[in-house]
N, C-alpha and C. Protein backbone atom coordinates (compact mmCIF):
# COMPACT_ATOMS: atom_id res chain seq x y z
N MET A 1 267.66 177.46 -256.86
CA MET A 1 267.30 178.08 -255.63
C MET A 1 268.60 178.36 -254.83
N SER A 2 268.83 179.58 -254.46
CA SER A 2 270.04 180.06 -253.94
C SER A 2 270.11 179.64 -252.45
N GLY A 3 271.21 179.63 -251.93
CA GLY A 3 271.39 179.32 -250.54
C GLY A 3 270.54 180.20 -249.61
N LEU A 4 270.45 181.39 -250.00
CA LEU A 4 269.66 182.49 -249.14
C LEU A 4 268.24 182.09 -249.25
N ASP A 5 267.78 181.71 -250.45
CA ASP A 5 266.21 181.38 -250.49
C ASP A 5 266.13 180.03 -249.79
N ARG A 6 266.92 179.09 -249.81
CA ARG A 6 266.79 177.89 -249.07
C ARG A 6 266.77 178.17 -247.56
N SER A 7 267.62 179.06 -247.14
CA SER A 7 267.70 179.38 -245.72
C SER A 7 266.43 180.09 -245.26
N THR A 8 266.03 180.99 -246.15
CA THR A 8 264.65 181.67 -245.69
C THR A 8 263.59 180.74 -245.65
N ALA A 9 263.47 179.79 -246.65
CA ALA A 9 262.34 178.81 -246.71
C ALA A 9 262.45 177.98 -245.39
N ARG A 10 263.58 177.46 -245.05
CA ARG A 10 263.87 176.53 -243.98
C ARG A 10 263.45 177.33 -242.74
N ARG A 11 263.88 178.60 -242.56
CA ARG A 11 263.44 179.40 -241.42
C ARG A 11 261.98 179.48 -241.25
N SER A 12 261.34 179.75 -242.42
CA SER A 12 259.88 179.79 -242.38
C SER A 12 259.23 178.44 -241.93
N GLU A 13 259.81 177.42 -242.40
CA GLU A 13 259.24 176.13 -242.05
C GLU A 13 259.54 175.92 -240.50
N LEU A 14 260.65 176.34 -240.00
CA LEU A 14 260.94 176.17 -238.60
C LEU A 14 260.00 176.98 -237.79
N ASP A 15 259.79 178.22 -238.18
CA ASP A 15 258.84 179.17 -237.60
C ASP A 15 257.42 178.54 -237.39
N THR A 16 257.07 177.98 -238.54
CA THR A 16 255.62 177.43 -238.43
C THR A 16 255.67 176.17 -237.52
N LEU A 17 256.73 175.38 -237.67
CA LEU A 17 256.90 174.25 -236.80
C LEU A 17 256.99 174.59 -235.28
N ALA A 18 257.70 175.70 -234.99
CA ALA A 18 257.82 176.17 -233.61
C ALA A 18 256.52 176.72 -233.08
N GLU A 19 255.74 177.35 -234.01
CA GLU A 19 254.37 177.85 -233.63
C GLU A 19 253.43 176.76 -233.29
N GLU A 20 253.46 175.62 -234.16
CA GLU A 20 252.63 174.48 -233.88
C GLU A 20 253.02 173.82 -232.68
N LEU A 21 254.33 173.61 -232.39
CA LEU A 21 254.83 172.98 -231.27
C LEU A 21 254.46 173.78 -229.96
N GLY A 22 254.56 175.05 -230.11
CA GLY A 22 254.16 176.00 -229.01
C GLY A 22 252.80 175.79 -228.61
N LYS A 23 251.78 175.71 -229.71
CA LYS A 23 250.45 175.61 -229.44
C LYS A 23 250.21 174.23 -228.80
N ARG A 24 250.84 173.17 -229.37
CA ARG A 24 250.75 171.80 -228.72
C ARG A 24 251.20 171.76 -227.33
N LEU A 25 252.20 172.47 -227.01
CA LEU A 25 252.80 172.45 -225.69
C LEU A 25 251.79 173.10 -224.78
N ARG A 26 251.19 174.22 -225.16
CA ARG A 26 250.21 174.89 -224.25
C ARG A 26 249.06 173.99 -224.02
N GLU A 27 248.63 173.16 -225.04
CA GLU A 27 247.44 172.16 -224.97
C GLU A 27 247.83 171.12 -223.87
N VAL A 28 249.14 170.70 -224.13
CA VAL A 28 249.62 169.59 -223.08
C VAL A 28 249.67 169.95 -221.75
N GLU A 29 250.15 171.32 -221.56
CA GLU A 29 250.22 171.93 -220.17
C GLU A 29 248.97 172.01 -219.53
N ALA A 30 247.95 172.53 -220.23
CA ALA A 30 246.56 172.71 -219.87
C ALA A 30 245.96 171.35 -219.46
N GLU A 31 246.12 170.40 -220.35
CA GLU A 31 245.67 169.00 -219.96
C GLU A 31 246.31 168.46 -218.65
N ARG A 32 247.60 168.52 -218.53
CA ARG A 32 248.27 168.17 -217.31
C ARG A 32 247.79 168.87 -216.06
N GLU A 33 247.49 170.16 -216.10
CA GLU A 33 246.87 170.86 -215.01
C GLU A 33 245.49 170.21 -214.63
N GLU A 34 244.65 169.94 -215.69
CA GLU A 34 243.35 169.34 -215.51
C GLU A 34 243.61 168.02 -214.80
N LEU A 35 244.51 167.18 -215.26
CA LEU A 35 244.71 165.90 -214.67
C LEU A 35 245.25 166.01 -213.17
N VAL A 36 246.08 166.91 -212.88
CA VAL A 36 246.43 167.24 -211.55
C VAL A 36 245.17 167.49 -210.63
N ILE A 37 244.39 168.33 -211.12
CA ILE A 37 243.13 168.71 -210.31
C ILE A 37 242.17 167.40 -210.23
N ALA A 38 242.08 166.61 -211.43
CA ALA A 38 241.31 165.42 -211.31
C ALA A 38 241.79 164.40 -210.39
N GLU A 39 243.19 164.26 -210.23
CA GLU A 39 243.75 163.34 -209.32
C GLU A 39 243.52 163.80 -207.98
N ARG A 40 243.62 165.03 -207.67
CA ARG A 40 243.25 165.61 -206.30
C ARG A 40 241.84 165.18 -205.91
N VAL A 41 240.95 165.38 -206.85
CA VAL A 41 239.47 165.15 -206.52
C VAL A 41 239.36 163.72 -206.36
N LEU A 42 239.94 162.87 -207.09
CA LEU A 42 239.86 161.34 -207.02
C LEU A 42 240.42 160.97 -205.65
N GLN A 43 241.57 161.47 -205.28
CA GLN A 43 242.16 161.16 -203.96
C GLN A 43 241.18 161.41 -202.84
N ARG A 44 240.55 162.67 -202.91
CA ARG A 44 239.73 163.04 -201.88
C ARG A 44 238.44 162.02 -201.82
N LEU A 45 237.97 161.75 -203.03
CA LEU A 45 236.77 160.83 -203.10
C LEU A 45 237.13 159.45 -202.57
N ALA A 46 238.33 158.95 -202.88
CA ALA A 46 238.78 157.72 -202.38
C ALA A 46 238.98 157.65 -200.89
N LYS A 47 239.52 158.79 -200.45
CA LYS A 47 239.62 158.89 -198.94
C LYS A 47 238.16 158.89 -198.26
N GLN A 48 237.25 159.68 -198.82
CA GLN A 48 235.93 159.72 -198.23
C GLN A 48 235.31 158.31 -198.40
N SER A 49 235.57 157.66 -199.50
CA SER A 49 235.04 156.31 -199.53
C SER A 49 235.49 155.38 -198.57
N ARG A 50 236.78 155.44 -198.34
CA ARG A 50 237.42 154.62 -197.35
C ARG A 50 236.91 154.87 -195.94
N VAL A 51 236.82 156.13 -195.65
CA VAL A 51 236.28 156.53 -194.32
C VAL A 51 234.72 155.96 -194.22
N GLN A 52 234.03 156.14 -195.29
CA GLN A 52 232.57 155.72 -195.24
C GLN A 52 232.53 154.25 -195.14
N ALA A 53 233.44 153.49 -195.85
CA ALA A 53 233.45 152.06 -195.76
C ALA A 53 233.87 151.57 -194.38
N GLU A 54 234.93 152.27 -193.78
CA GLU A 54 235.32 151.93 -192.37
C GLU A 54 234.16 152.15 -191.40
N ASP A 55 233.36 153.29 -191.62
CA ASP A 55 232.22 153.54 -190.74
C ASP A 55 231.20 152.47 -190.90
N ALA A 56 230.92 152.08 -192.17
CA ALA A 56 229.97 151.05 -192.50
C ALA A 56 230.37 149.76 -191.80
N VAL A 57 231.62 149.37 -192.01
CA VAL A 57 232.14 148.10 -191.41
C VAL A 57 231.92 148.16 -189.85
N ALA A 58 232.26 149.34 -189.29
CA ALA A 58 232.18 149.50 -187.79
C ALA A 58 230.72 149.36 -187.37
N MET A 59 229.69 149.83 -188.23
CA MET A 59 228.30 149.84 -187.80
C MET A 59 227.66 148.57 -188.29
N ALA A 60 228.30 147.77 -189.19
CA ALA A 60 227.62 146.67 -189.80
C ALA A 60 227.51 145.51 -188.67
N PRO A 61 226.50 144.70 -188.77
CA PRO A 61 226.28 143.58 -187.89
C PRO A 61 227.56 142.70 -188.06
N VAL A 62 228.02 142.10 -187.09
CA VAL A 62 229.07 141.14 -187.05
C VAL A 62 228.70 139.86 -187.62
N LYS A 63 229.41 139.20 -188.48
CA LYS A 63 229.12 137.90 -188.96
C LYS A 63 230.08 136.87 -188.37
N VAL A 64 229.63 135.78 -187.93
CA VAL A 64 230.61 134.70 -187.42
C VAL A 64 230.33 133.46 -188.00
N GLN A 65 231.19 132.50 -187.99
CA GLN A 65 231.03 131.22 -188.48
C GLN A 65 230.48 130.18 -187.46
N VAL A 66 229.31 129.58 -187.81
CA VAL A 66 228.78 128.60 -186.96
C VAL A 66 228.52 127.34 -187.88
N ALA A 67 229.16 126.25 -187.49
CA ALA A 67 229.00 125.05 -188.36
C ALA A 67 229.34 125.34 -189.76
N GLY A 68 230.37 126.08 -190.09
CA GLY A 68 230.82 126.44 -191.42
C GLY A 68 229.96 127.39 -192.15
N ARG A 69 228.91 127.95 -191.63
CA ARG A 69 228.05 128.90 -192.17
C ARG A 69 228.26 130.30 -191.52
N ALA A 70 228.06 131.27 -192.39
CA ALA A 70 228.19 132.73 -191.85
C ALA A 70 226.86 133.15 -191.28
N VAL A 71 226.80 133.50 -190.02
CA VAL A 71 225.62 133.94 -189.49
C VAL A 71 225.76 135.32 -188.89
N LEU A 72 224.66 136.20 -188.72
CA LEU A 72 224.75 137.41 -188.09
C LEU A 72 224.78 137.26 -186.65
N LEU A 73 225.72 138.02 -185.96
CA LEU A 73 225.74 138.02 -184.57
C LEU A 73 224.92 139.21 -184.10
N ILE A 74 223.84 138.85 -183.28
CA ILE A 74 222.92 139.87 -182.76
C ILE A 74 223.36 140.15 -181.36
N PRO A 75 223.87 141.32 -181.10
CA PRO A 75 224.43 141.72 -179.75
C PRO A 75 223.45 141.70 -178.68
N HIS A 76 223.91 141.50 -177.47
CA HIS A 76 223.01 141.78 -176.24
C HIS A 76 222.88 143.28 -176.07
N ARG A 77 221.58 143.52 -175.66
CA ARG A 77 221.28 144.83 -175.34
C ARG A 77 222.01 145.33 -174.08
N GLY A 78 222.71 146.39 -174.14
CA GLY A 78 223.48 146.87 -172.94
C GLY A 78 222.69 148.07 -172.19
N ASP A 79 223.41 148.71 -171.39
CA ASP A 79 222.79 149.77 -170.70
C ASP A 79 222.53 150.97 -171.52
N ASP A 80 223.40 151.14 -172.58
CA ASP A 80 223.19 152.16 -173.52
C ASP A 80 222.93 151.53 -174.89
N PRO A 81 221.69 151.11 -175.12
CA PRO A 81 221.50 150.35 -176.42
C PRO A 81 221.83 151.11 -177.68
N ASP A 82 222.57 150.39 -178.59
CA ASP A 82 222.87 151.03 -179.83
C ASP A 82 222.24 150.17 -180.85
N GLU A 83 221.10 150.54 -181.35
CA GLU A 83 220.31 149.76 -182.36
C GLU A 83 221.00 149.71 -183.76
N THR A 84 221.93 150.51 -183.99
CA THR A 84 222.75 150.44 -185.25
C THR A 84 223.57 149.25 -185.40
N ALA A 85 223.79 148.54 -184.15
CA ALA A 85 224.59 147.28 -184.15
C ALA A 85 223.76 146.17 -184.77
N LEU A 86 222.36 146.35 -184.90
CA LEU A 86 221.52 145.38 -185.36
C LEU A 86 221.36 145.35 -186.87
N PRO A 87 221.11 144.16 -187.50
CA PRO A 87 220.73 144.35 -188.96
C PRO A 87 219.53 145.07 -189.14
N GLY A 88 219.31 145.54 -190.29
CA GLY A 88 218.04 146.36 -190.69
C GLY A 88 216.72 145.67 -190.37
N ASP A 89 216.60 144.36 -190.67
CA ASP A 89 215.34 143.68 -190.57
C ASP A 89 215.09 143.61 -188.94
N TYR A 90 216.01 143.32 -188.13
CA TYR A 90 215.77 143.40 -186.78
C TYR A 90 215.45 144.80 -186.28
N ARG A 91 216.13 145.82 -186.77
CA ARG A 91 215.65 147.25 -186.37
C ARG A 91 214.16 147.49 -186.78
N ARG A 92 213.73 147.02 -188.01
CA ARG A 92 212.39 147.10 -188.33
C ARG A 92 211.38 146.47 -187.41
N ILE A 93 211.74 145.29 -187.05
CA ILE A 93 210.95 144.44 -186.02
C ILE A 93 210.81 145.28 -184.73
N LEU A 94 211.95 145.87 -184.19
CA LEU A 94 211.96 146.60 -183.01
C LEU A 94 210.94 147.82 -183.18
N THR A 95 211.05 148.53 -184.34
CA THR A 95 210.20 149.64 -184.48
C THR A 95 208.75 149.27 -184.38
N ILE A 96 208.42 148.22 -185.12
CA ILE A 96 207.05 147.80 -185.16
C ILE A 96 206.52 147.51 -183.73
N VAL A 97 207.24 146.75 -183.06
CA VAL A 97 206.86 146.36 -181.64
C VAL A 97 206.74 147.60 -180.77
N ARG A 98 207.72 148.57 -180.92
CA ARG A 98 207.62 149.78 -180.18
C ARG A 98 206.44 150.63 -180.41
N VAL A 99 205.90 150.56 -181.67
CA VAL A 99 204.91 151.52 -182.14
C VAL A 99 203.53 150.89 -181.75
N ALA A 100 203.53 149.70 -181.51
CA ALA A 100 202.30 148.97 -181.19
C ALA A 100 201.71 149.53 -179.90
N ASP A 101 200.34 149.42 -179.71
CA ASP A 101 199.72 149.93 -178.50
C ASP A 101 200.01 149.06 -177.29
N GLY A 102 200.31 147.80 -177.45
CA GLY A 102 200.56 146.89 -176.44
C GLY A 102 201.29 145.66 -176.86
N PRO A 103 201.27 144.57 -176.24
CA PRO A 103 201.94 143.34 -176.62
C PRO A 103 201.41 143.00 -178.06
N VAL A 104 202.38 142.51 -178.83
CA VAL A 104 202.00 142.12 -180.32
C VAL A 104 202.37 140.65 -180.45
N GLN A 105 201.58 140.03 -181.41
CA GLN A 105 201.75 138.74 -181.87
C GLN A 105 202.72 138.62 -183.01
N VAL A 106 203.31 137.54 -183.17
CA VAL A 106 204.24 137.51 -184.41
C VAL A 106 203.47 137.74 -185.69
N ARG A 107 202.21 137.29 -185.75
CA ARG A 107 201.46 137.49 -186.98
C ARG A 107 201.23 138.96 -187.29
N ALA A 108 200.99 139.76 -186.22
CA ALA A 108 200.79 141.23 -186.35
C ALA A 108 201.97 141.92 -187.05
N VAL A 109 203.22 141.52 -186.52
CA VAL A 109 204.48 142.05 -186.94
C VAL A 109 204.67 141.57 -188.45
N GLY A 110 204.34 140.34 -188.70
CA GLY A 110 204.46 139.84 -190.08
C GLY A 110 203.62 140.63 -190.97
N GLU A 111 202.40 140.91 -190.66
CA GLU A 111 201.52 141.73 -191.42
C GLU A 111 202.22 143.12 -191.79
N GLU A 112 202.73 143.59 -190.75
CA GLU A 112 203.37 144.96 -190.94
C GLU A 112 204.57 144.89 -191.85
N LEU A 113 205.20 143.75 -191.92
CA LEU A 113 206.42 143.60 -192.78
C LEU A 113 206.02 143.02 -194.13
N GLY A 114 204.75 142.75 -194.47
CA GLY A 114 204.31 142.35 -195.70
C GLY A 114 204.39 140.91 -195.86
N LEU A 115 204.54 140.12 -194.88
CA LEU A 115 204.79 138.65 -195.12
C LEU A 115 203.39 137.98 -195.26
N GLU A 116 203.35 136.86 -195.95
CA GLU A 116 202.24 136.00 -196.15
C GLU A 116 201.95 135.40 -194.73
N VAL A 117 201.04 135.95 -194.01
CA VAL A 117 200.87 135.46 -192.66
C VAL A 117 199.93 134.35 -192.56
N ALA A 118 199.18 134.09 -193.68
CA ALA A 118 198.33 132.86 -193.77
C ALA A 118 199.15 131.62 -193.92
N VAL A 119 200.46 131.67 -194.41
CA VAL A 119 201.32 130.44 -194.44
C VAL A 119 202.18 130.42 -193.17
N ARG A 120 201.83 129.45 -192.44
CA ARG A 120 202.63 129.39 -191.11
C ARG A 120 204.16 129.34 -191.31
N GLY A 121 204.65 128.67 -192.31
CA GLY A 121 206.13 128.61 -192.51
C GLY A 121 206.79 130.08 -192.80
N LYS A 122 205.97 130.93 -193.25
CA LYS A 122 206.57 132.35 -193.43
C LYS A 122 206.72 133.03 -192.24
N LEU A 123 205.94 132.58 -191.12
CA LEU A 123 206.13 133.37 -189.85
C LEU A 123 207.29 132.76 -188.89
N GLU A 124 207.60 131.46 -189.13
CA GLU A 124 208.63 130.92 -188.29
C GLU A 124 209.92 131.67 -188.30
N PRO A 125 210.55 131.95 -189.41
CA PRO A 125 211.83 132.73 -189.44
C PRO A 125 211.61 134.06 -188.64
N LEU A 126 210.43 134.62 -188.77
CA LEU A 126 210.18 135.95 -188.03
C LEU A 126 210.05 135.70 -186.62
N ARG A 127 209.37 134.56 -186.23
CA ARG A 127 209.26 134.16 -184.72
C ARG A 127 210.74 133.98 -184.19
N ALA A 128 211.62 133.28 -184.90
CA ALA A 128 212.93 133.11 -184.52
C ALA A 128 213.69 134.36 -184.26
N LYS A 129 213.53 135.37 -185.17
CA LYS A 129 214.13 136.64 -185.08
C LYS A 129 213.70 137.34 -183.80
N MET A 130 212.43 137.32 -183.56
CA MET A 130 211.83 137.97 -182.31
C MET A 130 212.26 137.24 -181.18
N THR A 131 212.31 136.04 -181.23
CA THR A 131 212.78 135.29 -179.87
C THR A 131 214.29 135.62 -179.67
N LYS A 132 215.07 135.66 -180.84
CA LYS A 132 216.49 135.92 -180.56
C LYS A 132 216.67 137.46 -180.01
N LEU A 133 215.83 138.38 -180.51
CA LEU A 133 215.76 139.75 -179.90
C LEU A 133 215.46 139.71 -178.49
N ALA A 134 214.48 138.93 -178.05
CA ALA A 134 214.00 138.75 -176.63
C ALA A 134 215.19 138.12 -175.84
N ASP A 135 215.81 137.12 -176.42
CA ASP A 135 217.00 136.44 -175.70
C ASP A 135 218.09 137.39 -175.42
N ARG A 136 218.34 138.35 -176.37
CA ARG A 136 219.37 139.33 -176.30
C ARG A 136 218.96 140.53 -175.43
N GLY A 137 217.76 140.60 -175.01
CA GLY A 137 217.31 141.76 -174.14
C GLY A 137 216.69 142.87 -174.84
N TRP A 138 216.43 142.73 -176.20
CA TRP A 138 215.93 143.86 -176.94
C TRP A 138 214.52 143.87 -176.88
N LEU A 139 213.80 142.65 -176.78
CA LEU A 139 212.34 142.56 -176.60
C LEU A 139 212.10 141.80 -175.30
N HIS A 140 210.86 141.78 -174.99
CA HIS A 140 210.35 140.91 -173.88
C HIS A 140 209.35 139.93 -174.38
N LYS A 141 209.47 138.77 -174.19
CA LYS A 141 208.58 137.60 -174.70
C LYS A 141 207.74 137.22 -173.43
N ARG A 142 206.42 137.54 -173.61
CA ARG A 142 205.47 137.17 -172.54
C ARG A 142 205.20 135.74 -172.60
N PRO A 143 204.63 135.19 -171.40
CA PRO A 143 204.25 133.76 -171.47
C PRO A 143 203.21 133.43 -172.48
N ASP A 144 202.43 134.32 -172.90
CA ASP A 144 201.36 134.07 -173.93
C ASP A 144 201.93 134.15 -175.29
N GLY A 145 203.16 134.34 -175.54
CA GLY A 145 203.83 134.27 -176.87
C GLY A 145 203.86 135.60 -177.52
N ARG A 146 203.31 136.59 -176.95
CA ARG A 146 203.36 138.06 -177.44
C ARG A 146 204.57 138.71 -176.95
N PHE A 147 205.03 139.69 -177.72
CA PHE A 147 206.21 140.52 -177.41
C PHE A 147 205.92 141.89 -177.10
N THR A 148 206.76 142.49 -176.26
CA THR A 148 206.62 143.97 -176.04
C THR A 148 208.10 144.57 -176.00
N ALA A 149 208.19 145.79 -176.24
CA ALA A 149 209.49 146.45 -176.36
C ALA A 149 210.03 146.66 -175.03
N ARG A 150 211.30 146.59 -174.83
CA ARG A 150 211.98 147.00 -173.56
C ARG A 150 212.31 148.54 -173.63
N ARG A 151 212.00 149.08 -172.53
CA ARG A 151 212.28 150.57 -172.43
C ARG A 151 213.58 150.92 -171.99
């Protein structure tokens, strides 16, 4: 094989290699562009998640330590009551009492919540929650033990 033939063959190999590398380079550039877009989307989602998490923390009931245990802090009802500061189960209790035609017994609220009202021990935690709501001004506890909603 002459020098000219070797040169022509090598040039052909290099042309093929350059074509393959060009194709590969275009694929890499396209993938990089996709990654840039994906990173932007992920950054936006992360930012939204942080904002939502911050909002959830701001709206979440406050937990405090009492005798080494974490307990939910039920806020006192102010002039402009914000029920979102209450845990979900307390909000459900308030809704049930508000919807009732008049004063309600703990048993009636327990029935609405789906508790086993025939078992006295199942109602005591509910009674404690309703009493706590009354102590904080969210409900009114009547002398007969029934509860009404504060307006």
